[in-house]
């Protein structure tokens, strides 16, 4: 019997990618910038946030990029951007 199980939360237990993509779409619209593709957003997952945002918004100057990062962090705390459990996760974890 295992006493402790360690697993990755983000992308394993919850679907956060779709919410991260939605947030970056909304930021692009808010700042009137080109919307990054979902492929690009997926590609930068796991990179440092500044690098990921620079890649998704390459036309942003450093000041604007700083605003994007601050907005992204604040927006991702809103309920709208909270990830959903993948199907059957509750059942698997309750075993």
Protein backbone atom coordinates (compact mmCIF):
# COMPACT_ATOMS: atom_id res chain seq x y z
CA UNK A 1 0.00 0.00 0.00
CA UNK A 2 1.37 3.40 -0.96
CA UNK A 3 1.49 6.06 1.74
CA UNK A 4 2.23 8.90 -0.64
CA UNK A 5 1.63 9.45 -4.32
CA UNK A 6 3.17 12.41 -6.10
CA UNK A 7 1.91 13.57 -9.47
CA UNK A 8 1.84 16.63 -11.63
CA UNK A 9 -1.30 18.72 -11.10
CA UNK A 10 -1.33 21.11 -14.04
CA UNK A 11 -2.20 19.29 -17.26
CA UNK A 12 -2.47 15.93 -15.49
CA UNK A 13 -5.34 16.39 -13.05
CA UNK A 14 -6.75 19.65 -14.39
CA UNK A 15 -7.07 20.97 -17.91
CA UNK A 16 -5.35 24.31 -17.57
CA UNK A 17 -4.12 24.68 -21.15
CA UNK A 18 -7.49 25.73 -22.53
CA UNK A 19 -7.81 28.36 -19.78
CA UNK A 20 -4.28 29.69 -20.33
CA UNK A 21 -5.05 29.97 -24.04
CA UNK A 22 -8.34 31.75 -23.32
CA UNK A 23 -6.59 34.19 -20.99
CA UNK A 24 -3.90 34.98 -23.57
CA UNK A 25 -6.59 35.47 -26.22
CA UNK A 26 -8.40 37.91 -23.95
CA UNK A 27 -5.16 39.77 -23.15
CA UNK A 28 -4.38 40.12 -26.85
CA UNK A 29 -7.82 41.62 -27.45
CA UNK A 30 -7.51 43.88 -24.39
CA UNK A 31 -4.17 45.25 -25.59
CA UNK A 32 -5.14 45.21 -29.29
CA UNK A 33 -2.39 42.74 -30.19
CA UNK A 34 -2.39 39.73 -32.52
CA UNK A 35 -3.88 36.69 -30.79
CA UNK A 36 -1.32 33.89 -30.29
CA UNK A 37 -2.32 30.53 -31.70
CA UNK A 38 -3.16 27.64 -29.42
CA UNK A 39 -0.20 25.76 -30.90
CA UNK A 40 2.12 28.59 -29.84
CA UNK A 41 0.59 28.82 -26.36
CA UNK A 42 1.07 25.07 -25.90
CA UNK A 43 4.65 25.31 -27.18
CA UNK A 44 5.67 27.83 -24.49
CA UNK A 45 4.06 26.01 -21.54
CA UNK A 46 6.67 25.31 -18.91
CA UNK A 47 8.95 28.14 -19.98
CA UNK A 48 9.57 31.08 -17.63
CA UNK A 49 6.55 33.39 -17.82
CA UNK A 50 8.51 36.32 -19.27
CA UNK A 51 9.91 34.12 -22.05
CA UNK A 52 6.49 32.64 -22.77
CA UNK A 53 4.85 36.06 -22.95
CA UNK A 54 7.63 37.45 -25.17
CA UNK A 55 7.11 34.53 -27.52
CA UNK A 56 3.32 34.90 -27.57
CA UNK A 57 3.46 38.70 -27.92
CA UNK A 58 6.66 39.41 -29.89
CA UNK A 59 5.63 42.96 -30.85
CA UNK A 60 5.30 44.08 -27.23
CA UNK A 61 7.98 46.39 -25.86
CA UNK A 62 9.37 45.71 -22.39
CA UNK A 63 6.96 48.08 -20.63
CA UNK A 64 3.94 46.59 -22.38
CA UNK A 65 5.24 43.08 -21.75
CA UNK A 66 5.48 43.89 -18.06
CA UNK A 67 1.82 44.98 -18.14
CA UNK A 68 0.86 41.75 -19.92
CA UNK A 69 2.57 39.66 -17.29
CA UNK A 70 0.95 41.56 -14.44
CA UNK A 71 -2.47 41.30 -16.12
CA UNK A 72 -1.98 37.62 -16.90
CA UNK A 73 -1.18 36.80 -13.27
CA UNK A 74 -4.22 38.75 -12.05
CA UNK A 75 -6.56 37.33 -14.70
CA UNK A 76 -5.53 33.71 -14.08
CA UNK A 77 -6.77 34.09 -10.48
CA UNK A 78 -10.30 34.77 -11.71
CA UNK A 79 -12.84 31.94 -11.72
CA UNK A 80 -13.25 32.28 -15.50
CA UNK A 81 -9.70 31.00 -16.01
CA UNK A 82 -9.62 28.22 -13.43
CA UNK A 83 -8.87 24.84 -14.93
CA UNK A 84 -11.39 22.01 -14.87
CA UNK A 85 -10.70 18.50 -13.65
CA UNK A 86 -10.19 16.02 -16.44
CA UNK A 87 -12.98 13.42 -16.73
CA UNK A 88 -12.97 10.73 -14.03
CA UNK A 89 -10.19 12.33 -11.99
CA UNK A 90 -12.31 12.35 -8.83
CA UNK A 91 -13.03 8.66 -9.19
CA UNK A 92 -9.38 7.77 -9.81
CA UNK A 93 -8.09 9.83 -6.88
CA UNK A 94 -10.71 8.50 -4.47
CA UNK A 95 -9.51 4.89 -4.89
